[in-house]
Each structure stands twice: as structure tokens, then as C-alpha cells.
Amino acid sequence: MSVSNGSVHPVDAPPLQTEAANVPRVRMKDVQGMPGTVGGSFLRFAQFVFAVVALCVMATTSDFPSVTAFCYLVAAAGLQSLWSLSLGILDVYALLVGRCLQNSQVVSLFAVGDGVTSTLMFAAACASAGITVLIGNDLGVCSQNHCLEFETATAMAFLSWFCALPSFLLNFWSLASR
């Protein structure tokens, strides 16, 4: 029978700790733009403002209900403004009280919510941009429609999405790095 013999290998003593080794490790949990930071509050405020402007400009036109894409933009802007306002209030509260919003359950909720609302806002902005180009350039009936209002609301929707995207990416990155 062929059996291997156990061997003992000597282990060196661990190196002595120096001053640099005693410094505690720092996690990058307070990256500006994440929940509970000043940058995050600014992004939420910008999302809210652009979504509300898109909603108000589109809702003040008389013929937006006749086009499904414009109705979708109004619905997506309303959802984005409510989501951004509620999380903006939560961010300001966390800053004032000094709480950290880096709990994995909270960050996962933020990441999913930001992903859903930013995707809806981007889809609504793209659909509205397509209809606006159709009305303005292809059909040439801007004199009968509110092309300037449609273009303004679409641009504000894209700006709201542009501010929502960093929030989603930072939350998703924070969730994935745990």
C-alpha cells in the first residue's frame, strides 16, 4: 500500500505591525451622488425640477391627450417627480440628522426604484422625441400644434433622465460592491 507521509513545514512568524498597518481601512461609502450625501440631494432636486417642468409644460398644452406618447411622458414625469421628491426629502433628513443611508436593503430599494423610474423616463422621452420629430419635420404641421411646448417638455424629460442615471448607477455600484 502506498501511503504518503505527512510532513510538517515550519511557519514563519507574522511580520511586526508598523504604523501604516494600524490605519483603519476606509470604505468609499460617501461618494457624492449616493443617498445621504449633498451630491445625492442635488441630483434628486434636479430630477424633481426637470420632471415637474416637463409635466407642467406638457400638461398645459391642449392637444397632448390625443397622442399616446405624450400621455406616457406625463405619467412617467409624474412618477419621476414623486419618486425624486420623496427620496430628496429622505436625503435631506439623513443629512440633517446625520444618518447613513448605506443599508443594503435601503440601497437595493433605491437601485430598483431608480432603475425603473429612469428607464420609464428615458422611454417616454424617446417616444415623445419621435412624435415631436414626426409632427415638426416629417408632417410639417407645427403651425397647427404646440411644437415648441412638445420640444421643451421632451428636453426637460431627457434632462431629468440624465440626472436620474447617475443616481441609479451609483446605487447599483454600491449594491454590487457589497
Protein backbone atom coordinates (compact mmCIF):
# COMPACT_ATOMS: atom_id res chain seq x y z
CA MET A 1 0.00 0.00 0.00
CA SER A 2 1.38 3.36 -0.97
CA VAL A 3 0.60 5.98 1.64
CA SER A 4 2.10 9.41 1.72
CA ASN A 5 3.81 10.50 4.86
CA GLY A 6 2.74 13.71 6.45
CA SER A 7 5.31 16.41 6.59
CA VAL A 8 5.49 19.44 8.78
CA HIS A 9 6.55 22.73 7.27
CA PRO A 10 7.73 25.45 9.58
CA VAL A 11 5.71 28.65 9.57
CA ASP A 12 7.44 31.97 9.89
CA ALA A 13 6.27 34.43 12.47
CA PRO A 14 3.96 37.12 11.11
CA PRO A 15 5.67 40.42 10.35
CA LEU A 16 5.56 43.09 13.01
CA GLN A 17 2.85 45.65 12.56
CA THR A 18 4.01 49.08 11.57
CA GLU A 19 2.21 52.39 11.92
CA ALA A 20 0.83 52.16 8.38
CA ALA A 21 -0.77 48.80 9.13
CA ASN A 22 -2.69 50.23 12.11
CA VAL A 23 -4.59 52.73 9.98
CA PRO A 24 -8.20 51.56 9.62
CA ARG A 25 -9.42 50.74 6.14
CA VAL A 26 -11.80 53.29 4.66
CA ARG A 27 -14.75 52.25 2.52
CA MET A 28 -15.89 54.54 -0.24
CA LYS A 29 -19.39 54.82 1.11
CA ASP A 30 -19.78 58.57 0.94
CA VAL A 31 -19.26 59.10 -2.78
CA GLN A 32 -21.10 62.25 -3.80
CA GLY A 33 -24.32 61.33 -5.58
CA MET A 34 -25.15 58.39 -3.34
CA PRO A 35 -28.07 58.53 -0.92
CA GLY A 36 -27.47 60.64 2.15
CA THR A 37 -24.88 62.95 0.54
CA VAL A 38 -25.09 66.54 -0.63
CA GLY A 39 -24.49 65.42 -4.21
CA GLY A 40 -27.31 62.89 -3.92
CA SER A 41 -29.66 65.60 -2.67
CA PHE A 42 -28.65 67.84 -5.56
CA LEU A 43 -29.30 65.06 -8.10
CA ARG A 44 -32.71 64.35 -6.54
CA PHE A 45 -33.62 68.04 -6.60
CA ALA A 46 -32.56 68.35 -10.26
CA GLN A 47 -34.55 65.22 -11.19
CA PHE A 48 -37.59 66.63 -9.45
CA VAL A 49 -37.35 70.08 -11.06
CA PHE A 50 -36.84 68.80 -14.60
CA ALA A 51 -39.63 66.22 -14.25
CA VAL A 52 -42.06 68.81 -12.87
CA VAL A 53 -41.22 71.26 -15.67
CA ALA A 54 -41.73 68.52 -18.28
CA LEU A 55 -45.02 67.56 -16.65
CA CYS A 56 -46.31 71.13 -16.41
CA VAL A 57 -45.28 72.15 -19.92
CA MET A 58 -46.83 69.06 -21.49
CA ALA A 59 -49.98 69.24 -19.36
CA THR A 60 -50.63 72.87 -20.30
CA THR A 61 -50.96 72.05 -23.99
CA SER A 62 -54.50 71.32 -25.11
CA ASP A 63 -53.77 68.52 -27.54
CA PHE A 64 -51.36 66.28 -25.60
CA PRO A 65 -54.05 63.68 -24.71
CA SER A 66 -54.50 62.86 -28.39
CA VAL A 67 -51.02 61.30 -28.62
CA THR A 68 -50.22 58.24 -26.52
CA ALA A 69 -46.50 59.04 -26.26
CA PHE A 70 -47.28 62.43 -24.74
CA CYS A 71 -49.66 60.83 -22.22
CA TYR A 72 -46.89 58.37 -21.38
CA LEU A 73 -44.49 61.29 -20.85
CA VAL A 74 -46.93 62.94 -18.44
CA ALA A 75 -47.33 59.68 -16.50
CA ALA A 76 -43.58 58.99 -16.39
CA ALA A 77 -42.78 62.57 -15.38
CA GLY A 78 -45.38 62.39 -12.61
CA LEU A 79 -43.89 59.15 -11.29
CA GLN A 80 -40.33 60.51 -11.56
CA SER A 81 -41.25 63.70 -9.73
CA LEU A 82 -42.95 61.81 -6.87
CA TRP A 83 -40.03 59.36 -6.55
CA SER A 84 -37.41 62.11 -6.66
CA LEU A 85 -39.28 64.31 -4.20
CA SER A 86 -39.72 61.52 -1.66
CA LEU A 87 -36.08 60.42 -1.88
CA GLY A 88 -34.92 64.05 -1.87
CA ILE A 89 -36.78 64.60 1.40
CA LEU A 90 -35.22 61.42 2.78
CA ASP A 91 -31.75 62.60 1.69
CA VAL A 92 -32.20 65.99 3.35
CA TYR A 93 -33.46 64.30 6.52
CA ALA A 94 -30.44 61.97 6.55
CA LEU A 95 -28.10 64.94 6.12
CA LEU A 96 -29.75 66.94 8.90
CA VAL A 97 -29.89 64.07 11.37
CA GLY A 98 -26.53 62.61 10.35
CA ARG A 99 -27.80 59.17 9.39
CA CYS A 100 -26.13 56.90 6.87
CA LEU A 101 -28.35 55.53 4.11
CA GLN A 102 -25.95 52.74 3.13
CA ASN A 103 -28.01 49.85 4.49
CA SER A 104 -28.08 47.11 1.86
CA GLN A 105 -31.88 46.85 1.92
CA VAL A 106 -32.29 50.61 1.51
CA VAL A 107 -29.69 50.77 -1.26
CA SER A 108 -31.36 47.88 -3.10
CA LEU A 109 -34.72 49.68 -2.87
CA PHE A 110 -33.12 52.86 -4.19
CA ALA A 111 -31.36 50.99 -7.01
CA VAL A 112 -34.51 49.21 -8.16
CA GLY A 113 -36.64 52.35 -7.89
CA ASP A 114 -34.08 54.49 -9.70
CA GLY A 115 -33.69 51.85 -12.38
CA VAL A 116 -37.42 51.60 -13.00
CA THR A 117 -38.12 55.34 -12.98
CA SER A 118 -35.09 56.25 -15.10
CA THR A 119 -35.97 53.57 -17.66
CA LEU A 120 -39.57 54.78 -17.83
CA MET A 121 -38.45 58.39 -18.16
CA PHE A 122 -35.96 57.58 -20.91
CA ALA A 123 -38.54 55.57 -22.85
CA ALA A 124 -41.12 58.35 -22.52
CA ALA A 125 -38.62 60.99 -23.61
CA CYS A 126 -37.58 58.92 -26.63
CA ALA A 127 -41.18 58.28 -27.65
CA SER A 128 -42.06 61.95 -27.27
CA ALA A 129 -38.99 62.98 -29.24
CA GLY A 130 -40.01 60.65 -32.05
CA ILE A 131 -43.52 62.08 -32.20
CA THR A 132 -42.19 65.63 -32.00
CA VAL A 133 -39.84 64.99 -34.95
CA LEU A 134 -42.71 63.39 -36.84
CA ILE A 135 -45.01 66.37 -36.26
CA GLY A 136 -42.36 69.03 -36.88
CA ASN A 137 -40.10 67.70 -39.59
CA ASP A 138 -41.94 64.94 -41.41
CA LEU A 139 -45.50 66.22 -41.43
CA GLY A 140 -44.67 69.93 -41.18
CA VAL A 141 -47.73 70.78 -39.12
CA CYS A 142 -46.08 72.79 -36.35
CA SER A 143 -48.33 75.74 -37.11
CA GLN A 144 -51.34 73.63 -36.02
CA ASN A 145 -49.66 72.08 -32.97
CA HIS A 146 -47.65 73.18 -29.96
CA CYS A 147 -44.27 72.04 -31.27
CA LEU A 148 -42.25 74.36 -29.04
CA GLU A 149 -44.01 73.09 -25.92
CA PHE A 150 -43.59 69.48 -27.02
CA GLU A 151 -39.87 70.04 -27.67
CA THR A 152 -39.42 71.79 -24.32
CA ALA A 153 -41.18 69.02 -22.39
CA THR A 154 -39.16 66.38 -24.21
CA ALA A 155 -35.89 68.19 -23.48
CA MET A 156 -36.81 68.50 -19.80
CA ALA A 157 -37.63 64.78 -19.71
CA PHE A 158 -34.21 63.96 -21.14
CA LEU A 159 -32.56 66.25 -18.58
CA SER A 160 -34.48 64.55 -15.79
CA TRP A 161 -33.32 61.16 -17.07
CA PHE A 162 -29.76 62.48 -17.35
CA CYS A 163 -29.89 63.41 -13.64
CA ALA A 164 -31.53 60.11 -12.65
CA LEU A 165 -28.95 57.95 -14.40
CA PRO A 166 -26.02 58.77 -12.04
CA SER A 167 -28.24 58.04 -9.04
CA PHE A 168 -29.11 54.63 -10.45
CA LEU A 169 -25.54 53.80 -11.44
CA LEU A 170 -24.08 54.81 -8.06
CA ASN A 171 -26.74 52.87 -6.14
CA PHE A 172 -26.28 49.83 -8.34
CA TRP A 173 -22.49 50.06 -7.98
CA SER A 174 -22.81 50.34 -4.21
CA LEU A 175 -25.12 47.34 -4.13
CA ALA A 176 -22.87 45.27 -6.39
CA SER A 177 -19.71 46.09 -4.42
CA ARG A 178 -21.03 44.65 -1.16
